[in-house]
Amino acid sequence: MSRTDPALARAHDLLERFVLFDGHNDLPFSIRRAADGDVAAYGLDRVHQESDTDIPRLRQGKVGAQVFAAFVPTSVPDPGRFTLEQVAIGLDIETVHADIFHPARRAADVAAARRMAKIASVLSVESAVGLGGSLSPLRVWYAAGVRILTLCHNETLAWIDSATDAPRHGGLTDFGRALIAECNRIGMMVDLAHASPKAQHDALDVAAAPLLWSHSNAAALCPHPRNVPDDVLDRVKANGGVVMATFVPNFISRKSHDWMTPLQVHGKTPPGADIDTAVARRAAEAGPWPRASIGELCDHIQYIVGRTGLAHIGIGSDFYGGPNPPDLADASRFPHLVAELVRRGWSDAALKGILSGNMLRVWRTVEKVSATLKAARPPGIARVAAESLAPPGRKKPAT
């Protein structure tokens, strides 16, 4: 596909006019794995063929605002420290490459970055495990620049059931509800991407501000547990939130999901598994892994819009240096996604919404709600009992 393709040419023109806001990218974790977290040593200013995100390809993809996720594996020995280290990598991206990235701490900063011809850098924490069962660190994360909190990752925590783990609480606990209330108070956007369907409903019941699903697709089209079921999608409009369609093959394609299912438990790779060997063995038995396509992703986008309306859809790539659909292989490919929506008849107004307008509306609303709640409520100081933080079947030693 070349720039002579009218749809692709229009996509490039639209991306000059409208900011593209990508709601989830795990670049800090990629830098941690490849360069022990040293942003300067990693060399973001050169193309990394072994991965999917770097400055040249962000520029080629015309990304205008990028969420850099501080991903925290649930099982790390010291998740509080790990969280701060991951956030620090995000901050270092902003400082080492200050000529490229503009720190975005308010919704208005995205437009400011555009005026400077920079990429707005938005920091998130993926999994609240690093809170250690206390609300107080949340305010420290916010002070450090974090503006989005993904409540959990692939494992159930002491206050929330994960979509990809056995449930323990029937959704959210009282602490989980208090965590959402404190996020609303301080102006932290709440992300339900990894929460169980019941936890998503519980969050919708109590949230005072719009919610995000930063990297999820429609469960009706692909039955991965990380995708959003219809009964949740049908509540998004009333909440004002945004579902950000993601590029993960297993969340897009039913064929990809079915192909990977024998290798996974609860929709995730078992801890310690050699996934590369398992995939190679599966390919020898069942043929190549079908890795989805832009067209299938657009089917999800249109399905979600059919349930929520055009004001509640966004894009969250979840680039993390792993396998992607061949036609969405890296951050340079965003114009091709926009081109497919152009071919499907999307108007300029609808494209502006999915690219960034809907997400920025959520952010501005979260800021307004926070201003009201800060005037009415003191800081939250709820804690979870130490023994409740231990995994099921094992009590945490007394300290």
Protein backbone atom coordinates (compact mmCIF):
# COMPACT_ATOMS: atom_id res chain seq x y z
CA MET A 1 0.00 0.00 0.00
CA SER A 2 1.49 3.34 -1.00
CA ARG A 3 0.72 7.00 -0.55
CA THR A 4 -0.94 6.84 -4.00
CA ASP A 5 -3.79 4.95 -2.28
CA PRO A 6 -6.44 7.71 -1.85
CA ALA A 7 -7.56 6.34 1.55
CA LEU A 8 -3.99 6.25 2.86
CA ALA A 9 -3.29 9.73 1.51
CA ARG A 10 -6.40 11.02 3.29
CA ALA A 11 -5.33 9.23 6.47
CA HIS A 12 -2.00 11.06 6.43
CA ASP A 13 -3.78 14.36 5.87
CA LEU A 14 -6.16 13.68 8.76
CA LEU A 15 -3.26 12.85 11.05
CA GLU A 16 -1.76 16.23 10.23
CA ARG A 17 -5.02 17.84 11.38
CA PHE A 18 -6.00 15.64 14.34
CA VAL A 19 -3.88 14.36 17.23
CA LEU A 20 -3.48 10.59 17.37
CA PHE A 21 -3.65 9.50 21.03
CA ASP A 22 -2.46 5.93 21.66
CA GLY A 23 -3.82 4.79 25.02
CA HIS A 24 -1.33 2.07 25.94
CA ASN A 25 2.31 1.21 25.14
CA ASP A 26 4.66 -0.82 27.34
CA LEU A 27 7.86 0.85 26.13
CA PRO A 28 9.23 1.36 29.68
CA PHE A 29 9.15 -2.42 30.23
CA SER A 30 10.83 -3.01 26.86
CA ILE A 31 13.60 -0.61 27.88
CA ARG A 32 13.90 -2.36 31.25
CA ARG A 33 14.35 -5.74 29.57
CA ALA A 34 16.73 -4.56 26.86
CA ALA A 35 18.84 -1.96 28.67
CA ASP A 36 18.14 -2.45 32.38
CA GLY A 37 15.97 0.65 32.31
CA ASP A 38 18.69 2.95 30.94
CA VAL A 39 16.82 5.14 28.44
CA ALA A 40 19.95 6.81 27.06
CA ALA A 41 21.66 3.47 26.50
CA TYR A 42 18.58 2.04 24.80
CA GLY A 43 18.71 4.62 22.04
CA LEU A 44 15.11 5.51 21.31
CA ASP A 45 16.25 7.75 18.48
CA ARG A 46 17.13 4.75 16.30
CA VAL A 47 14.90 2.08 14.78
CA HIS A 48 14.64 -1.08 16.90
CA GLN A 49 13.85 -3.85 14.45
CA GLU A 50 13.59 -6.32 17.34
CA SER A 51 10.72 -4.35 18.85
CA ASP A 52 7.84 -2.14 17.75
CA THR A 53 8.28 1.35 19.23
CA ASP A 54 10.96 3.99 18.82
CA ILE A 55 11.05 7.67 17.93
CA PRO A 56 11.46 7.21 14.15
CA ARG A 57 8.42 4.94 13.96
CA LEU A 58 6.32 7.05 16.33
CA ARG A 59 7.02 9.96 14.00
CA GLN A 60 6.30 7.88 10.91
CA GLY A 61 3.03 6.74 12.48
CA LYS A 62 2.16 10.37 13.26
CA VAL A 63 1.54 9.65 16.94
CA GLY A 64 0.68 12.90 18.73
CA ALA A 65 0.10 11.62 22.27
CA GLN A 66 1.44 8.41 23.74
CA VAL A 67 0.61 6.69 27.02
CA PHE A 68 3.74 5.05 28.42
CA ALA A 69 2.65 2.33 30.84
CA ALA A 70 4.64 1.52 33.97
CA PHE A 71 3.79 -2.19 33.79
CA VAL A 72 4.26 -4.06 37.08
CA PRO A 73 4.16 -7.88 37.06
CA THR A 74 2.03 -9.07 39.94
CA SER A 75 4.62 -11.55 41.22
CA VAL A 76 7.66 -9.27 41.57
CA PRO A 77 9.16 -9.40 45.08
CA ASP A 78 8.87 -5.66 45.79
CA PRO A 79 6.05 -4.25 43.63
CA GLY A 80 6.16 -0.83 45.30
CA ARG A 81 9.80 -0.32 44.33
CA PHE A 82 9.21 -1.84 40.89
CA THR A 83 6.37 0.61 40.24
CA LEU A 84 8.55 3.61 41.06
CA GLU A 85 11.37 2.28 38.88
CA GLN A 86 8.97 1.86 35.97
CA VAL A 87 7.55 5.36 36.44
CA ALA A 88 11.13 6.68 36.54
CA ILE A 89 11.78 5.11 33.12
CA GLY A 90 8.78 7.00 31.78
CA LEU A 91 10.11 10.22 33.29
CA ASP A 92 13.53 9.51 31.79
CA ILE A 93 11.98 9.11 28.33
CA GLU A 94 10.64 12.64 28.74
CA THR A 95 13.95 14.11 29.93
CA VAL A 96 16.48 12.23 27.77
CA HIS A 97 14.39 13.02 24.69
CA ALA A 98 12.99 16.38 25.76
CA ASP A 99 13.25 17.58 22.17
CA ILE A 100 10.67 14.94 21.15
CA PHE A 101 8.36 14.40 24.15
CA HIS A 102 6.36 16.95 26.11
CA PRO A 103 5.14 15.84 29.57
CA ALA A 104 1.34 15.83 29.56
CA ARG A 105 -0.08 16.20 33.06
CA ARG A 106 -3.35 17.83 32.03
CA ALA A 107 -5.54 17.34 28.98
CA ALA A 108 -4.56 20.81 27.74
CA ASP A 109 -0.92 19.69 27.54
CA VAL A 110 -1.74 17.52 24.52
CA ALA A 111 -2.58 20.60 22.46
CA ALA A 112 0.50 22.35 23.84
CA ALA A 113 2.67 19.45 22.65
CA ARG A 114 1.10 19.70 19.21
CA ARG A 115 1.93 23.40 18.99
CA MET A 116 5.58 22.55 19.79
CA ALA A 117 5.61 19.72 17.21
CA LYS A 118 6.29 17.28 20.04
CA ILE A 119 4.64 14.04 21.18
CA ALA A 120 2.62 14.40 24.38
CA SER A 121 3.88 11.86 26.95
CA VAL A 122 1.22 10.52 29.32
CA LEU A 123 2.27 8.21 32.17
CA SER A 124 0.20 5.32 33.49
CA VAL A 125 0.69 2.54 36.03
CA GLU A 126 -0.47 -0.88 34.88
CA SER A 127 -1.54 -2.76 38.02
CA ALA A 128 -2.14 -1.25 41.44
CA VAL A 129 -0.26 -4.12 43.12
CA GLY A 130 2.46 -1.62 44.07
CA LEU A 131 0.08 0.22 46.39
CA GLY A 132 0.65 -2.56 48.90
CA GLY A 133 -2.98 -2.32 49.95
CA SER A 134 -2.81 1.39 50.87
CA LEU A 135 -4.37 4.39 49.15
CA SER A 136 -1.60 6.78 50.22
CA PRO A 137 1.00 5.81 47.54
CA LEU A 138 -1.56 6.73 44.89
CA ARG A 139 -1.06 10.42 45.67
CA VAL A 140 2.71 9.98 45.37
CA TRP A 141 2.30 8.37 41.95
CA TYR A 142 0.08 11.26 40.90
CA ALA A 143 2.66 13.78 42.15
CA ALA A 144 5.27 11.94 40.05
CA GLY A 145 3.18 12.51 36.93
CA VAL A 146 1.01 9.38 36.62
CA ARG A 147 -2.44 10.14 35.23
CA ILE A 148 -3.92 6.68 34.45
CA LEU A 149 -4.18 3.65 36.74
CA THR A 150 -4.94 0.19 35.36
CA LEU A 151 -6.43 -1.42 38.45
CA CYS A 152 -4.83 -4.85 38.03
CA HIS A 153 -2.96 -6.94 35.50
CA ASN A 154 -3.37 -10.64 34.75
CA GLU A 155 -3.77 -11.73 38.37
CA THR A 156 -6.46 -11.17 40.97
CA LEU A 157 -5.35 -8.84 43.76
CA ALA A 158 -6.57 -8.48 47.31
CA TRP A 159 -9.17 -5.94 46.23
CA ILE A 160 -10.12 -6.80 42.65
CA ASP A 161 -10.73 -9.85 40.47
CA SER A 162 -8.71 -9.99 37.26
CA ALA A 163 -10.30 -11.02 33.97
CA THR A 164 -7.56 -13.63 33.51
CA ASP A 165 -7.52 -15.30 36.92
CA ALA A 166 -9.79 -17.19 39.26
CA PRO A 167 -12.17 -14.76 41.04
CA ARG A 168 -11.82 -14.32 44.79
CA HIS A 169 -14.06 -11.37 45.63
CA GLY A 170 -16.98 -11.35 43.25
CA GLY A 171 -15.67 -8.15 41.64
CA LEU A 172 -14.41 -5.26 43.77
CA THR A 173 -13.94 -5.21 47.54
CA ASP A 174 -14.61 -2.17 49.71
CA PHE A 175 -10.95 -1.18 49.24
CA GLY A 176 -11.35 -1.47 45.47
CA ARG A 177 -14.30 0.87 45.60
CA ALA A 178 -12.34 3.27 47.84
CA LEU A 179 -9.48 3.16 45.33
CA ILE A 180 -11.78 4.29 42.53
CA ALA A 181 -13.18 7.05 44.76
CA GLU A 182 -9.66 8.30 45.54
CA CYS A 183 -8.68 8.20 41.85
CA ASN A 184 -11.77 10.30 41.09
CA ARG A 185 -10.84 12.72 43.87
CA ILE A 186 -7.23 13.31 42.80
CA GLY A 187 -7.90 13.28 39.04
CA MET A 188 -6.41 9.89 38.16
CA MET A 189 -8.14 8.22 35.21
CA VAL A 190 -9.30 4.69 36.09
CA ASP A 191 -8.57 1.94 33.56
CA LEU A 192 -10.60 -1.30 33.65
CA ALA A 193 -8.72 -3.08 30.84
CA HIS A 194 -7.70 -6.06 33.00
CA ALA A 195 -10.61 -6.16 35.43
CA SER A 196 -13.12 -9.01 35.49
CA PRO A 197 -16.57 -8.29 34.04
CA LYS A 198 -18.07 -8.20 37.55
CA ALA A 199 -15.37 -5.78 38.70
CA GLN A 200 -16.11 -3.63 35.64
CA HIS A 201 -19.79 -3.53 36.61
CA ASP A 202 -18.88 -2.68 40.20
CA ALA A 203 -16.67 0.16 38.98
CA LEU A 204 -19.44 1.47 36.74
CA ASP A 205 -21.75 1.41 39.79
CA VAL A 206 -19.51 3.64 41.91
CA ALA A 207 -17.38 5.79 39.57
CA ALA A 208 -18.00 9.52 39.74
CA ALA A 209 -16.04 10.12 36.52
CA PRO A 210 -15.75 8.44 33.11
CA LEU A 211 -13.78 5.19 32.93
CA LEU A 212 -11.28 3.83 30.42
CA TRP A 213 -10.69 0.44 28.87
CA SER A 214 -7.22 1.34 27.58
CA HIS A 215 -6.54 -1.80 25.51
CA SER A 216 -9.53 -4.10 25.03
CA ASN A 217 -11.81 -5.28 22.21
CA ALA A 218 -15.33 -6.74 21.95
CA ALA A 219 -15.91 -10.13 23.57
CA ALA A 220 -18.80 -10.82 21.19
CA LEU A 221 -16.37 -10.97 18.25
CA CYS A 222 -13.47 -12.68 20.04
CA PRO A 223 -14.18 -14.49 23.34
CA HIS A 224 -10.89 -13.72 25.08
CA PRO A 225 -11.56 -12.93 28.77
CA ARG A 226 -9.72 -9.62 28.39
CA ASN A 227 -12.33 -8.33 25.96
CA VAL A 228 -15.38 -6.34 27.03
CA PRO A 229 -18.73 -8.19 27.13
CA ASP A 230 -21.89 -6.67 25.70
CA ASP A 231 -23.54 -6.02 29.06
CA VAL A 232 -20.57 -3.83 30.02
CA LEU A 233 -20.38 -2.11 26.63
CA ASP A 234 -24.04 -1.21 26.99
CA ARG A 235 -23.22 0.81 30.13
CA VAL A 236 -20.25 2.75 28.72
CA LYS A 237 -22.31 5.54 27.15
CA ALA A 238 -24.08 6.41 30.40
CA ASN A 239 -20.73 6.52 32.21
CA GLY A 240 -19.13 8.65 29.50
CA GLY A 241 -16.12 6.38 29.21
CA VAL A 242 -14.01 5.19 26.27
CA VAL A 243 -13.08 1.69 25.06
CA MET A 244 -9.72 1.80 23.28
CA ALA A 245 -9.44 -0.92 20.64
CA THR A 246 -6.21 -2.88 20.87
CA PHE A 247 -3.84 -4.64 18.47
CA VAL A 248 -3.19 -7.89 20.43
CA PRO A 249 -3.87 -10.75 17.96
CA ASN A 250 -5.63 -12.94 20.55
CA PHE A 251 -8.01 -10.09 21.38
CA ILE A 252 -8.82 -9.40 17.71
CA SER A 253 -9.15 -12.73 15.94
CA ARG A 254 -11.27 -15.66 17.07
CA LYS A 255 -8.96 -17.89 15.00
CA SER A 256 -5.92 -16.51 16.81
CA HIS A 257 -7.64 -16.93 20.17
CA ASP A 258 -8.64 -20.52 19.41
CA TRP A 259 -5.13 -21.33 18.14
CA MET A 260 -3.53 -20.03 21.38
CA THR A 261 -6.09 -21.46 23.81
CA PRO A 262 -4.30 -24.83 24.36
CA LEU A 263 -1.20 -22.90 25.47
CA GLN A 264 -2.96 -20.72 28.02
CA VAL A 265 -4.84 -20.85 31.32
CA HIS A 266 -7.47 -18.17 32.02
CA GLY A 267 -6.40 -16.55 28.74
CA LYS A 268 -2.75 -16.04 29.76
CA THR A 269 0.52 -17.94 29.47
CA PRO A 270 1.25 -19.96 32.64
CA PRO A 271 4.13 -18.58 34.76
CA GLY A 272 7.49 -20.03 33.79
CA ALA A 273 6.27 -21.43 30.46
CA ASP A 274 8.64 -21.29 27.48
CA ILE A 275 6.16 -19.60 25.17
CA ASP A 276 8.47 -19.55 22.13
CA THR A 277 8.95 -23.31 22.29
CA ALA A 278 5.25 -23.87 22.92
CA VAL A 279 4.27 -21.71 19.93
CA ALA A 280 6.72 -23.53 17.67
CA ARG A 281 5.35 -26.90 18.77
CA ARG A 282 1.77 -25.72 18.27
CA ALA A 283 2.62 -24.42 14.79
CA ALA A 284 4.06 -27.83 13.86
CA GLU A 285 0.80 -29.45 14.94
CA ALA A 286 -1.82 -26.92 13.81
CA GLY A 287 -0.14 -24.73 11.20
CA PRO A 288 1.03 -21.11 11.52
CA TRP A 289 -0.43 -18.88 14.19
CA PRO A 290 -3.12 -16.67 12.54
CA ARG A 291 -2.21 -13.22 13.82
CA ALA A 292 -5.26 -11.13 12.87
CA SER A 293 -5.50 -8.09 10.60
CA ILE A 294 -6.46 -4.42 10.43
CA GLY A 295 -9.78 -5.40 8.87
CA GLU A 296 -10.66 -7.64 11.82
CA LEU A 297 -9.66 -4.89 14.26
CA CYS A 298 -11.94 -2.45 12.44
CA ASP A 299 -14.75 -4.99 12.81
CA HIS A 300 -14.24 -4.68 16.59
CA ILE A 301 -14.18 -0.89 16.39
CA GLN A 302 -17.45 -0.80 14.48
CA TYR A 303 -19.06 -3.34 16.79
CA ILE A 304 -18.08 -1.33 19.88
CA VAL A 305 -19.42 1.85 18.29
CA GLY A 306 -22.68 0.03 17.58
CA ARG A 307 -23.07 -0.66 21.31
CA THR A 308 -21.64 2.58 22.76
CA GLY A 309 -21.89 5.28 20.11
CA LEU A 310 -19.12 7.16 18.31
CA ALA A 311 -18.19 9.24 21.37
CA HIS A 312 -16.90 6.23 23.31
CA ILE A 313 -14.22 4.63 21.11
CA GLY A 314 -10.45 5.14 21.05
CA ILE A 315 -7.20 3.38 20.14
CA GLY A 316 -4.85 1.60 22.59
CA SER A 317 -2.22 -0.39 20.68
CA ASP A 318 -0.63 -2.28 23.61
CA PHE A 319 2.66 -2.36 21.73
CA TYR A 320 5.08 -4.20 24.02
CA GLY A 321 7.76 -5.70 21.78
CA GLY A 322 5.74 -8.86 21.20
CA PRO A 323 3.92 -10.39 18.23
CA ASN A 324 1.43 -8.12 16.47
CA PRO A 325 -0.81 -8.47 13.42
CA PRO A 326 1.44 -8.29 10.33
CA ASP A 327 -0.26 -5.14 9.04
CA LEU A 328 -0.03 -3.51 12.50
CA ALA A 329 3.52 -4.61 13.17
CA ASP A 330 4.83 -1.43 14.78
CA ALA A 331 4.11 2.19 15.66
CA SER A 332 4.59 3.34 12.06
CA ARG A 333 1.38 1.59 10.96
CA PHE A 334 -1.28 3.81 12.53
CA PRO A 335 -2.04 5.59 9.22
CA HIS A 336 -3.00 2.25 7.70
CA LEU A 337 -5.58 1.70 10.44
CA VAL A 338 -7.01 5.16 9.79
CA ALA A 339 -7.05 4.42 6.06
CA GLU A 340 -9.19 1.34 6.61
CA LEU A 341 -11.70 3.41 8.59
CA VAL A 342 -11.70 5.94 5.75
CA ARG A 343 -12.57 3.13 3.35
CA ARG A 344 -15.44 2.16 5.62
CA GLY A 345 -16.95 5.61 5.29
CA TRP A 346 -15.97 7.20 8.60
CA SER A 347 -16.47 10.96 8.61
CA ASP A 348 -13.81 13.44 9.65
CA ALA A 349 -15.73 14.13 12.88
CA ALA A 350 -15.90 10.43 13.74
CA LEU A 351 -12.19 9.98 13.00
CA LYS A 352 -11.28 12.97 15.16
CA GLY A 353 -13.20 11.30 17.99
CA ILE A 354 -11.49 7.92 17.79
CA LEU A 355 -8.04 9.46 17.27
CA SER A 356 -8.11 11.67 20.36
CA GLY A 357 -11.30 13.69 20.79
CA ASN A 358 -13.10 11.07 22.88
CA MET A 359 -10.10 10.38 25.11
CA LEU A 360 -9.46 14.08 25.69
CA ARG A 361 -13.11 14.60 26.63
CA VAL A 362 -12.74 11.88 29.28
CA TRP A 363 -9.58 13.47 30.63
CA ARG A 364 -11.14 16.93 30.84
CA THR A 365 -14.18 15.51 32.63
CA VAL A 366 -11.98 13.65 35.11
CA GLU A 367 -10.22 16.95 35.87
CA LYS A 368 -13.54 18.73 36.47
CA VAL A 369 -14.84 15.96 38.73
CA SER A 370 -11.57 16.04 40.68
CA ALA A 371 -11.84 19.80 41.29
CA THR A 372 -15.29 19.28 42.81
CA LEU A 373 -14.36 16.25 44.92
CA LYS A 374 -11.15 17.78 46.29
CA ALA A 375 -13.24 20.60 47.74
CA ALA A 376 -15.60 18.12 49.38
CA ARG A 377 -13.43 15.21 50.55
CA PRO A 378 -10.20 14.72 52.51
CA PRO A 379 -7.51 12.39 51.10
CA GLY A 380 -8.30 8.69 51.27
CA ILE A 381 -6.24 6.67 53.75
CA ALA A 382 -7.87 3.23 53.53
CA ARG A 383 -5.66 0.15 53.93
CA VAL A 384 -6.01 -3.56 53.34
CA ALA A 385 -5.07 -5.87 56.24
CA ALA A 386 -1.58 -7.27 55.73
CA GLU A 387 -2.74 -10.88 55.89
CA SER A 388 -5.13 -10.24 53.00
CA LEU A 389 -2.26 -9.35 50.68
CA ALA A 390 -0.84 -12.88 50.68
CA PRO A 391 -1.75 -15.15 47.74
CA PRO A 392 -4.62 -17.62 48.39
CA GLY A 393 -3.60 -20.45 50.68
CA ARG A 394 -0.60 -18.64 52.18
CA LYS A 395 -0.73 -16.07 54.98
CA LYS A 396 1.64 -13.14 54.92
CA PRO A 397 4.14 -13.29 57.80
CA ALA A 398 3.58 -10.83 60.60
CA THR A 399 5.81 -7.77 60.49
